[in-house]
Every structure is written in C-alpha cells, then in structure tokens.
Amino acid sequence: MSNGLTRFLGDTPGRTALKLLVASFVVGVVMAAFNWYPVDIYYWIRDFVVTLWENGWAALGRFGTYLALGAGVVIPIFIVLRLLNMRK
C-alpha cells in the first residue's frame, strides 16, 4: 500500500505533507498581505460568470442590431444587382 500511496502523492507522505505545509504558509502570507479570504475567490468566480452571462447576451443583442443594419443595405443592393444581371 505504501507504494500506491507514494505513487498517488508523487513523493513520500512525509515530504508531501511538508511541501503542503510550506505552500500553505506562503499562500496564507500572500493572501493576508492582500486581505483576501477563500470566500473572496468564490465571489470573484461567481461575479465573473454573472458578468460574462450578462455581457454575452448584450453582445448577441449588438450582433443582431449590426446584422439588421447591414442587411438593410446589403440585401436591396444584392437584389438590384441580380435584377440588372438578369437583363444581360
């Protein structure tokens, strides 16, 4: 079982625990320096998804507006050109 556990952890359990302890301390110091808390990460992700959702629908609305504006010019020109080409 020790080989399976070592293979899963990527190193011996003791060394892995020490690495996790050091990494946790460093991350904790950085987060304390910036006054960040783990729940802030959750809120940042949630706010990012909500903003992306709202802006995504707004972008689709702008796309539809641009499409309608362009079609108002392109389609009549296309029809006139096709009609002029039929006479030849």
PDB file of N, CA and C in Angstrom:
ATOM      1  N   MET A   1       0.816  -1.186   0.000  1.00  0.00           N
ATOM      2  CA  MET A   1       0.000   0.000   0.000  1.00  0.00           C
ATOM      3  C   MET A   1       0.867   1.259   0.000  1.00  0.00           C
ATOM      4  N   SER A   2       2.007   1.191   0.600  1.00  0.00           N
ATOM      5  CA  SER A   2       2.885   2.358   0.659  1.00  0.00           C
ATOM      6  C   SER A   2       3.305   2.791  -0.740  1.00  0.00           C
ATOM      7  N   ASN A   3       3.573   1.823  -1.625  1.00  0.00           N
ATOM      8  CA  ASN A   3       3.948   2.173  -2.993  1.00  0.00           C
ATOM      9  C   ASN A   3       2.808   2.863  -3.725  1.00  0.00           C
ATOM     10  N   GLY A   4       1.600   2.378  -3.523  1.00  0.00           N
ATOM     11  CA  GLY A   4       0.441   3.004  -4.165  1.00  0.00           C
ATOM     12  C   GLY A   4       0.220   4.417  -3.644  1.00  0.00           C
ATOM     13  N   LEU A   5       0.378   4.608  -2.334  1.00  0.00           N
ATOM     14  CA  LEU A   5       0.202   5.930  -1.744  1.00  0.00           C
ATOM     15  C   LEU A   5       1.301   6.873  -2.214  1.00  0.00           C
ATOM     16  N   THR A   6       2.523   6.383  -2.243  1.00  0.00           N
ATOM     17  CA  THR A   6       3.642   7.202  -2.715  1.00  0.00           C
ATOM     18  C   THR A   6       3.455   7.575  -4.173  1.00  0.00           C
ATOM     19  N   ARG A   7       2.993   6.643  -4.962  1.00  0.00           N
ATOM     20  CA  ARG A   7       2.747   6.917  -6.382  1.00  0.00           C
ATOM     21  C   ARG A   7       1.636   7.958  -6.540  1.00  0.00           C
ATOM     22  N   PHE A   8       0.589   7.862  -5.714  1.00  0.00           N
ATOM     23  CA  PHE A   8      -0.521   8.808  -5.786  1.00  0.00           C
ATOM     24  C   PHE A   8      -0.076  10.213  -5.372  1.00  0.00           C
ATOM     25  N   LEU A   9       0.709  10.298  -4.288  1.00  0.00           N
ATOM     26  CA  LEU A   9       1.142  11.600  -3.784  1.00  0.00           C
ATOM     27  C   LEU A   9       2.288  12.200  -4.584  1.00  0.00           C
ATOM     28  N   GLY A  10       3.015  11.388  -5.293  1.00  0.00           N
ATOM     29  CA  GLY A  10       4.150  11.871  -6.067  1.00  0.00           C
ATOM     30  C   GLY A  10       5.448  11.923  -5.273  1.00  0.00           C
ATOM     31  N   ASP A  11       5.395  11.601  -4.000  1.00  0.00           N
ATOM     32  CA  ASP A  11       6.561  11.594  -3.121  1.00  0.00           C
ATOM     33  C   ASP A  11       6.142  10.855  -1.856  1.00  0.00           C
ATOM     34  N   THR A  12       7.029  10.747  -0.900  1.00  0.00           N
ATOM     35  CA  THR A  12       6.664  10.077   0.346  1.00  0.00           C
ATOM     36  C   THR A  12       5.625  10.922   1.086  1.00  0.00           C
ATOM     37  N   PRO A  13       4.801  10.296   1.912  1.00  0.00           N
ATOM     38  CA  PRO A  13       3.780  11.063   2.635  1.00  0.00           C
ATOM     39  C   PRO A  13       4.357  12.189   3.498  1.00  0.00           C
ATOM     40  N   GLY A  14       5.479  11.951   4.144  1.00  0.00           N
ATOM     41  CA  GLY A  14       6.094  12.974   4.988  1.00  0.00           C
ATOM     42  C   GLY A  14       6.556  14.181   4.188  1.00  0.00           C
ATOM     43  N   ARG A  15       7.247  13.912   3.087  1.00  0.00           N
ATOM     44  CA  ARG A  15       7.728  15.021   2.245  1.00  0.00           C
ATOM     45  C   ARG A  15       6.566  15.766   1.618  1.00  0.00           C
ATOM     46  N   THR A  16       5.522  15.045   1.214  1.00  0.00           N
ATOM     47  CA  THR A  16       4.347  15.695   0.637  1.00  0.00           C
ATOM     48  C   THR A  16       3.668  16.586   1.673  1.00  0.00           C
ATOM     49  N   ALA A  17       3.557  16.109   2.902  1.00  0.00           N
ATOM     50  CA  ALA A  17       2.952  16.916   3.968  1.00  0.00           C
ATOM     51  C   ALA A  17       3.783  18.176   4.227  1.00  0.00           C
ATOM     52  N   LEU A  18       5.103  18.047   4.226  1.00  0.00           N
ATOM     53  CA  LEU A  18       5.971  19.201   4.436  1.00  0.00           C
ATOM     54  C   LEU A  18       5.817  20.213   3.297  1.00  0.00           C
ATOM     55  N   LYS A  19       5.782  19.743   2.059  1.00  0.00           N
ATOM     56  CA  LYS A  19       5.596  20.634   0.908  1.00  0.00           C
ATOM     57  C   LYS A  19       4.252  21.356   0.995  1.00  0.00           C
ATOM     58  N   LEU A  20       3.208  20.630   1.383  1.00  0.00           N
ATOM     59  CA  LEU A  20       1.889  21.250   1.512  1.00  0.00           C
ATOM     60  C   LEU A  20       1.879  22.273   2.647  1.00  0.00           C
ATOM     61  N   LEU A  21       2.570  21.991   3.719  1.00  0.00           N
ATOM     62  CA  LEU A  21       2.653  22.916   4.843  1.00  0.00           C
ATOM     63  C   LEU A  21       3.346  24.209   4.436  1.00  0.00           C
ATOM     64  N   VAL A  22       4.482  24.097   3.735  1.00  0.00           N
ATOM     65  CA  VAL A  22       5.219  25.287   3.284  1.00  0.00           C
ATOM     66  C   VAL A  22       4.386  26.080   2.273  1.00  0.00           C
ATOM     67  N   ALA A  23       3.781  25.387   1.302  1.00  0.00           N
ATOM     68  CA  ALA A  23       2.958  26.069   0.300  1.00  0.00           C
ATOM     69  C   ALA A  23       1.770  26.764   0.954  1.00  0.00           C
ATOM     70  N   SER A  24       1.144  26.127   1.926  1.00  0.00           N
ATOM     71  CA  SER A  24       0.012  26.735   2.634  1.00  0.00           C
ATOM     72  C   SER A  24       0.440  27.982   3.378  1.00  0.00           C
ATOM     73  N   PHE A  25       1.610  27.937   4.006  1.00  0.00           N
ATOM     74  CA  PHE A  25       2.110  29.106   4.729  1.00  0.00           C
ATOM     75  C   PHE A  25       2.366  30.270   3.777  1.00  0.00           C
ATOM     76  N   VAL A  26       3.028  29.991   2.647  1.00  0.00           N
ATOM     77  CA  VAL A  26       3.346  31.050   1.680  1.00  0.00           C
ATOM     78  C   VAL A  26       2.064  31.656   1.111  1.00  0.00           C
ATOM     79  N   VAL A  27       1.130  30.825   0.719  1.00  0.00           N
ATOM     80  CA  VAL A  27      -0.137  31.320   0.178  1.00  0.00           C
ATOM     81  C   VAL A  27      -0.897  32.108   1.249  1.00  0.00           C
ATOM     82  N   GLY A  28      -0.859  31.637   2.482  1.00  0.00           N
ATOM     83  CA  GLY A  28      -1.518  32.352   3.577  1.00  0.00           C
ATOM     84  C   GLY A  28      -0.920  33.730   3.807  1.00  0.00           C
ATOM     85  N   VAL A  29       0.405  33.843   3.732  1.00  0.00           N
ATOM     86  CA  VAL A  29       1.060  35.143   3.899  1.00  0.00           C
ATOM     87  C   VAL A  29       0.655  36.093   2.773  1.00  0.00           C
ATOM     88  N   VAL A  30       0.655  35.600   1.541  1.00  0.00           N
ATOM     89  CA  VAL A  30       0.281  36.439   0.399  1.00  0.00           C
ATOM     90  C   VAL A  30      -1.174  36.878   0.517  1.00  0.00           C
ATOM     91  N   MET A  31      -2.060  35.938   0.862  1.00  0.00           N
ATOM     92  CA  MET A  31      -3.475  36.282   0.984  1.00  0.00           C
ATOM     93  C   MET A  31      -3.700  37.278   2.110  1.00  0.00           C
ATOM     94  N   ALA A  32      -2.981  37.139   3.223  1.00  0.00           N
ATOM     95  CA  ALA A  32      -3.119  38.080   4.331  1.00  0.00           C
ATOM     96  C   ALA A  32      -2.603  39.461   3.933  1.00  0.00           C
ATOM     97  N   ALA A  33      -1.527  39.500   3.149  1.00  0.00           N
ATOM     98  CA  ALA A  33      -0.968  40.778   2.706  1.00  0.00           C
ATOM     99  C   ALA A  33      -1.966  41.549   1.844  1.00  0.00           C
ATOM    100  N   PHE A  34      -2.729  40.845   1.026  1.00  0.00           N
ATOM    101  CA  PHE A  34      -3.721  41.482   0.158  1.00  0.00           C
ATOM    102  C   PHE A  34      -5.119  41.519   0.775  1.00  0.00           C
ATOM    103  N   ASN A  35      -5.236  41.031   2.015  1.00  0.00           N
ATOM    104  CA  ASN A  35      -6.514  40.985   2.719  1.00  0.00           C
ATOM    105  C   ASN A  35      -7.556  40.175   1.944  1.00  0.00           C
ATOM    106  N   TRP A  36      -7.125  39.057   1.399  1.00  0.00           N
ATOM    107  CA  TRP A  36      -8.013  38.151   0.665  1.00  0.00           C
ATOM    108  C   TRP A  36      -8.401  36.999   1.583  1.00  0.00           C
ATOM    109  N   TYR A  37      -9.595  36.475   1.352  1.00  0.00           N
ATOM    110  CA  TYR A  37     -10.073  35.311   2.090  1.00  0.00           C
ATOM    111  C   TYR A  37     -10.570  34.282   1.088  1.00  0.00           C
ATOM    112  N   PRO A  38     -10.571  33.003   1.455  1.00  0.00           N
ATOM    113  CA  PRO A  38     -11.007  31.979   0.498  1.00  0.00           C
ATOM    114  C   PRO A  38     -12.404  32.236  -0.072  1.00  0.00           C
ATOM    115  N   VAL A  39     -13.300  32.800   0.718  1.00  0.00           N
ATOM    116  CA  VAL A  39     -14.644  33.061   0.208  1.00  0.00           C
ATOM    117  C   VAL A  39     -14.614  34.134  -0.886  1.00  0.00           C
ATOM    118  N   ASP A  40     -13.621  35.024  -0.849  1.00  0.00           N
ATOM    119  CA  ASP A  40     -13.491  36.037  -1.891  1.00  0.00           C
ATOM    120  C   ASP A  40     -13.285  35.395  -3.255  1.00  0.00           C
ATOM    121  N   ILE A  41     -12.532  34.299  -3.291  1.00  0.00           N
ATOM    122  CA  ILE A  41     -12.298  33.597  -4.556  1.00  0.00           C
ATOM    123  C   ILE A  41     -13.617  33.086  -5.114  1.00  0.00           C
ATOM    124  N   TYR A  42     -14.458  32.551  -4.239  1.00  0.00           N
ATOM    125  CA  TYR A  42     -15.779  32.091  -4.675  1.00  0.00           C
ATOM    126  C   TYR A  42     -16.577  33.252  -5.257  1.00  0.00           C
ATOM    127  N   TYR A  43     -16.579  34.406  -4.575  1.00  0.00           N
ATOM    128  CA  TYR A  43     -17.336  35.557  -5.058  1.00  0.00           C
ATOM    129  C   TYR A  43     -16.774  36.087  -6.372  1.00  0.00           C
ATOM    130  N   TRP A  44     -15.447  36.082  -6.522  1.00  0.00           N
ATOM    131  CA  TRP A  44     -14.845  36.534  -7.780  1.00  0.00           C
ATOM    132  C   TRP A  44     -15.278  35.645  -8.939  1.00  0.00           C
ATOM    133  N   ILE A  45     -15.265  34.341  -8.724  1.00  0.00           N
ATOM    134  CA  ILE A  45     -15.673  33.406  -9.785  1.00  0.00           C
ATOM    135  C   ILE A  45     -17.147  33.600 -10.115  1.00  0.00           C
ATOM    136  N   ARG A  46     -17.990  33.712  -9.064  1.00  0.00           N
ATOM    137  CA  ARG A  46     -19.422  33.908  -9.283  1.00  0.00           C
ATOM    138  C   ARG A  46     -19.695  35.208 -10.033  1.00  0.00           C
ATOM    139  N   ASP A  47     -19.056  36.292  -9.613  1.00  0.00           N
ATOM    140  CA  ASP A  47     -19.257  37.580 -10.274  1.00  0.00           C
ATOM    141  C   ASP A  47     -18.759  37.545 -11.709  1.00  0.00           C
ATOM    142  N   PHE A  48     -17.650  36.842 -11.955  1.00  0.00           N
ATOM    143  CA  PHE A  48     -17.128  36.716 -13.310  1.00  0.00           C
ATOM    144  C   PHE A  48     -18.129  36.007 -14.209  1.00  0.00           C
ATOM    145  N   VAL A  49     -18.700  34.910 -13.731  1.00  0.00           N
ATOM    146  CA  VAL A  49     -19.663  34.151 -14.526  1.00  0.00           C
ATOM    147  C   VAL A  49     -20.921  34.978 -14.781  1.00  0.00           C
ATOM    148  N   VAL A  50     -21.414  35.687 -13.763  1.00  0.00           N
ATOM    149  CA  VAL A  50     -22.618  36.513 -13.928  1.00  0.00           C
ATOM    150  C   VAL A  50     -22.356  37.630 -14.934  1.00  0.00           C
ATOM    151  N   THR A  51     -21.217  38.301 -14.807  1.00  0.00           N
ATOM    152  CA  THR A  51     -20.880  39.379 -15.737  1.00  0.00           C
ATOM    153  C   THR A  51     -20.723  38.846 -17.155  1.00  0.00           C
ATOM    154  N   LEU A  52     -20.072  37.710 -17.286  1.00  0.00           N
ATOM    155  CA  LEU A  52     -19.914  37.101 -18.604  1.00  0.00           C
ATOM    156  C   LEU A  52     -21.267  36.748 -19.200  1.00  0.00           C
ATOM    157  N   TRP A  53     -22.164  36.222 -18.386  1.00  0.00           N
ATOM    158  CA  TRP A  53     -23.512  35.859 -18.849  1.00  0.00           C
ATOM    159  C   TRP A  53     -24.259  37.106 -19.325  1.00  0.00           C
ATOM    160  N   GLU A  54     -24.233  38.155 -18.512  1.00  0.00           N
ATOM    161  CA  GLU A  54     -24.951  39.377 -18.869  1.00  0.00           C
ATOM    162  C   GLU A  54     -24.339  40.052 -20.094  1.00  0.00           C
ATOM    163  N   ASN A  55     -23.034  40.161 -20.138  1.00  0.00           N
ATOM    164  CA  ASN A  55     -22.385  40.798 -21.287  1.00  0.00           C
ATOM    165  C   ASN A  55     -22.482  39.941 -22.532  1.00  0.00           C
ATOM    166  N   GLY A  56     -22.524  38.646 -22.352  1.00  0.00           N
ATOM    167  CA  GLY A  56     -22.663  37.751 -23.505  1.00  0.00           C
ATOM    168  C   GLY A  56     -23.981  37.971 -24.211  1.00  0.00           C
ATOM    169  N   TRP A  57     -25.061  38.108 -23.440  1.00  0.00           N
ATOM    170  CA  TRP A  57     -26.374  38.360 -24.059  1.00  0.00           C
ATOM    171  C   TRP A  57     -26.412  39.745 -24.674  1.00  0.00           C
ATOM    172  N   ALA A  58     -25.753  40.720 -24.045  1.00  0.00           N
ATOM    173  CA  ALA A  58     -25.696  42.066 -24.614  1.00  0.00           C
ATOM    174  C   ALA A  58     -24.934  42.047 -25.934  1.00  0.00           C
ATOM    175  N   ALA A  59     -23.856  41.254 -25.992  1.00  0.00           N
ATOM    176  CA  ALA A  59     -23.080  41.149 -27.231  1.00  0.00           C
ATOM    177  C   ALA A  59     -23.914  40.517 -28.339  1.00  0.00           C
ATOM    178  N   LEU A  60     -24.713  39.515 -27.991  1.00  0.00           N
ATOM    179  CA  LEU A  60     -25.582  38.909 -29.003  1.00  0.00           C
ATOM    180  C   LEU A  60     -26.626  39.909 -29.486  1.00  0.00           C
ATOM    181  N   GLY A  61     -27.128  40.745 -28.590  1.00  0.00           N
ATOM    182  CA  GLY A  61     -28.081  41.775 -28.987  1.00  0.00           C
ATOM    183  C   GLY A  61     -27.452  42.775 -29.940  1.00  0.00           C
ATOM    184  N   ARG A  62     -26.202  43.174 -29.650  1.00  0.00           N
ATOM    185  CA  ARG A  62     -25.492  44.088 -30.557  1.00  0.00           C
ATOM    186  C   ARG A  62     -25.229  43.416 -31.892  1.00  0.00           C
ATOM    187  N   PHE A  63     -24.917  42.134 -31.874  1.00  0.00           N
ATOM    188  CA  PHE A  63     -24.679  41.403 -33.119  1.00  0.00           C
ATOM    189  C   PHE A  63     -25.936  41.425 -33.981  1.00  0.00           C
ATOM    190  N   GLY A  64     -27.086  41.186 -33.361  1.00  0.00           N
ATOM    191  CA  GLY A  64     -28.348  41.215 -34.104  1.00  0.00           C
ATOM    192  C   GLY A  64     -28.640  42.595 -34.681  1.00  0.00           C
ATOM    193  N   THR A  65     -28.327  43.637 -33.908  1.00  0.00           N
ATOM    194  CA  THR A  65     -28.526  45.001 -34.396  1.00  0.00           C
ATOM    195  C   THR A  65     -27.635  45.280 -35.589  1.00  0.00           C
ATOM    196  N   TYR A  66     -26.371  44.908 -35.490  1.00  0.00           N
ATOM    197  CA  TYR A  66     -25.441  45.119 -36.600  1.00  0.00           C
ATOM    198  C   TYR A  66     -25.867  44.326 -37.826  1.00  0.00           C
ATOM    199  N   LEU A  67     -26.343  43.117 -37.596  1.00  0.00           N
ATOM    200  CA  LEU A  67     -26.801  42.278 -38.707  1.00  0.00           C
ATOM    201  C   LEU A  67     -27.992  42.916 -39.412  1.00  0.00           C
ATOM    202  N   ALA A  68     -28.943  43.417 -38.659  1.00  0.00           N
ATOM    203  CA  ALA A  68     -30.126  44.051 -39.257  1.00  0.00           C
ATOM    204  C   ALA A  68     -29.745  45.326 -39.995  1.00  0.00           C
ATOM    205  N   LEU A  69     -28.848  46.130 -39.424  1.00  0.00           N
ATOM    206  CA  LEU A  69     -28.419  47.357 -40.101  1.00  0.00           C
ATOM    207  C   LEU A  69     -27.723  47.039 -41.424  1.00  0.00           C
ATOM    208  N   GLY A  70     -26.823  46.076 -41.381  1.00  0.00           N
ATOM    209  CA  GLY A  70     -26.109  45.693 -42.606  1.00  0.00           C
ATOM    210  C   GLY A  70     -27.031  45.085 -43.637  1.00  0.00           C
ATOM    211  N   ALA A  71     -27.962  44.263 -43.185  1.00  0.00           N
ATOM    212  CA  ALA A  71     -28.893  43.627 -44.126  1.00  0.00           C
ATOM    213  C   ALA A  71     -29.790  44.655 -44.786  1.00  0.00           C
ATOM    214  N   GLY A  72     -30.096  45.736 -44.092  1.00  0.00           N
ATOM    215  CA  GLY A  72     -30.925  46.794 -44.672  1.00  0.00           C
ATOM    216  C   GLY A  72     -30.265  47.456 -45.867  1.00  0.00           C
ATOM    217  N   VAL A  73     -28.948  47.372 -45.961  1.00  0.00           N
ATOM    218  CA  VAL A  73     -28.225  47.954 -47.091  1.00  0.00           C
ATOM    219  C   VAL A  73     -27.827  46.881 -48.099  1.00  0.00           C
ATOM    220  N   VAL A  74     -27.306  45.775 -47.614  1.00  0.00           N
ATOM    221  CA  VAL A  74     -26.737  44.748 -48.490  1.00  0.00           C
ATOM    222  C   VAL A  74     -27.807  44.033 -49.320  1.00  0.00           C
ATOM    223  N   ILE A  75     -28.908  43.664 -48.703  1.00  0.00           N
ATOM    224  CA  ILE A  75     -29.925  42.875 -49.423  1.00  0.00           C
ATOM    225  C   ILE A  75     -30.569  43.669 -50.552  1.00  0.00           C
ATOM    226  N   PRO A  76     -30.966  44.936 -50.366  1.00  0.00           N
ATOM    227  CA  PRO A  76     -31.505  45.679 -51.520  1.00  0.00           C
ATOM    228  C   PRO A  76     -30.483  45.834 -52.648  1.00  0.00           C
ATOM    229  N   ILE A  77     -29.203  46.090 -52.289  1.00  0.00           N
ATOM    230  CA  ILE A  77     -28.169  46.198 -53.334  1.00  0.00           C
ATOM    231  C   ILE A  77     -28.022  44.876 -54.055  1.00  0.00           C
ATOM    232  N   PHE A  78     -28.040  43.766 -53.312  1.00  0.00           N
ATOM    233  CA  PHE A  78     -27.936  42.442 -53.917  1.00  0.00           C
ATOM    234  C   PHE A  78     -29.095  42.200 -54.892  1.00  0.00           C
ATOM    235  N   ILE A  79     -30.301  42.545 -54.483  1.00  0.00           N
ATOM    236  CA  ILE A  79     -31.468  42.332 -55.349  1.00  0.00           C
ATOM    237  C   ILE A  79     -31.369  43.188 -56.608  1.00  0.00           C
ATOM    238  N   VAL A  80     -30.966  44.449 -56.469  1.00  0.00           N
ATOM    239  CA  VAL A  80     -30.828  45.329 -57.638  1.00  0.00           C
ATOM    240  C   VAL A  80     -29.767  44.786 -58.583  1.00  0.00           C
ATOM    241  N   LEU A  81     -28.630  44.354 -58.043  1.00  0.00           N
ATOM    242  CA  LEU A  81     -27.572  43.806 -58.897  1.00  0.00           C
ATOM    243  C   LEU A  81     -28.023  42.538 -59.603  1.00  0.00           C
ATOM    244  N   ARG A  82     -28.761  41.681 -58.915  1.00  0.00           N
ATOM    245  CA  ARG A  82     -29.262  40.448 -59.545  1.00  0.00           C
ATOM    246  C   ARG A  82     -30.259  40.781 -60.654  1.00  0.00           C
ATOM    247  N   LEU A  83     -31.103  41.764 -60.431  1.00  0.00           N
ATOM    248  CA  LEU A  83     -32.063  42.169 -61.446  1.00  0.00           C
ATOM    249  C   LEU A  83     -31.361  42.763 -62.649  1.00  0.00           C
ATOM    250  N   LEU A  84     -30.322  43.558 -62.427  1.00  0.00           N
ATOM    251  CA  LEU A  84     -29.558  44.148 -63.543  1.00  0.00           C
ATOM    252  C   LEU A  84     -28.808  43.078 -64.326  1.00  0.00           C
ATOM    253  N   ASN A  85     -28.327  42.037 -63.649  1.00  0.00           N
ATOM    254  CA  ASN A  85     -27.617  40.955 -64.320  1.00  0.00           C
ATOM    255  C   ASN A  85     -28.570  40.067 -65.126  1.00  0.00           C
ATOM    256  N   MET A  86     -29.841  40.016 -64.745  1.00  0.00           N
ATOM    257  CA  MET A  86     -30.800  39.205 -65.490  1.00  0.00           C
ATOM    258  C   MET A  86     -31.088  39.804 -66.853  1.00  0.00           C
ATOM    259  N   ARG A  87     -30.938  41.116 -67.024  1.00  0.00           N
ATOM    260  CA  ARG A  87     -31.244  41.782 -68.282  1.00  0.00           C
ATOM    261  C   ARG A  87     -30.197  41.480 -69.344  1.00  0.00           C
ATOM    262  N   LYS A  88     -29.002  41.082 -68.925  1.00  0.00           N
ATOM    263  CA  LYS A  88     -27.932  40.827 -69.903  1.00  0.00           C
ATOM    264  C   LYS A  88     -28.088  39.518 -70.580  1.00  0.00           C
TER     265      LYS A  88
END
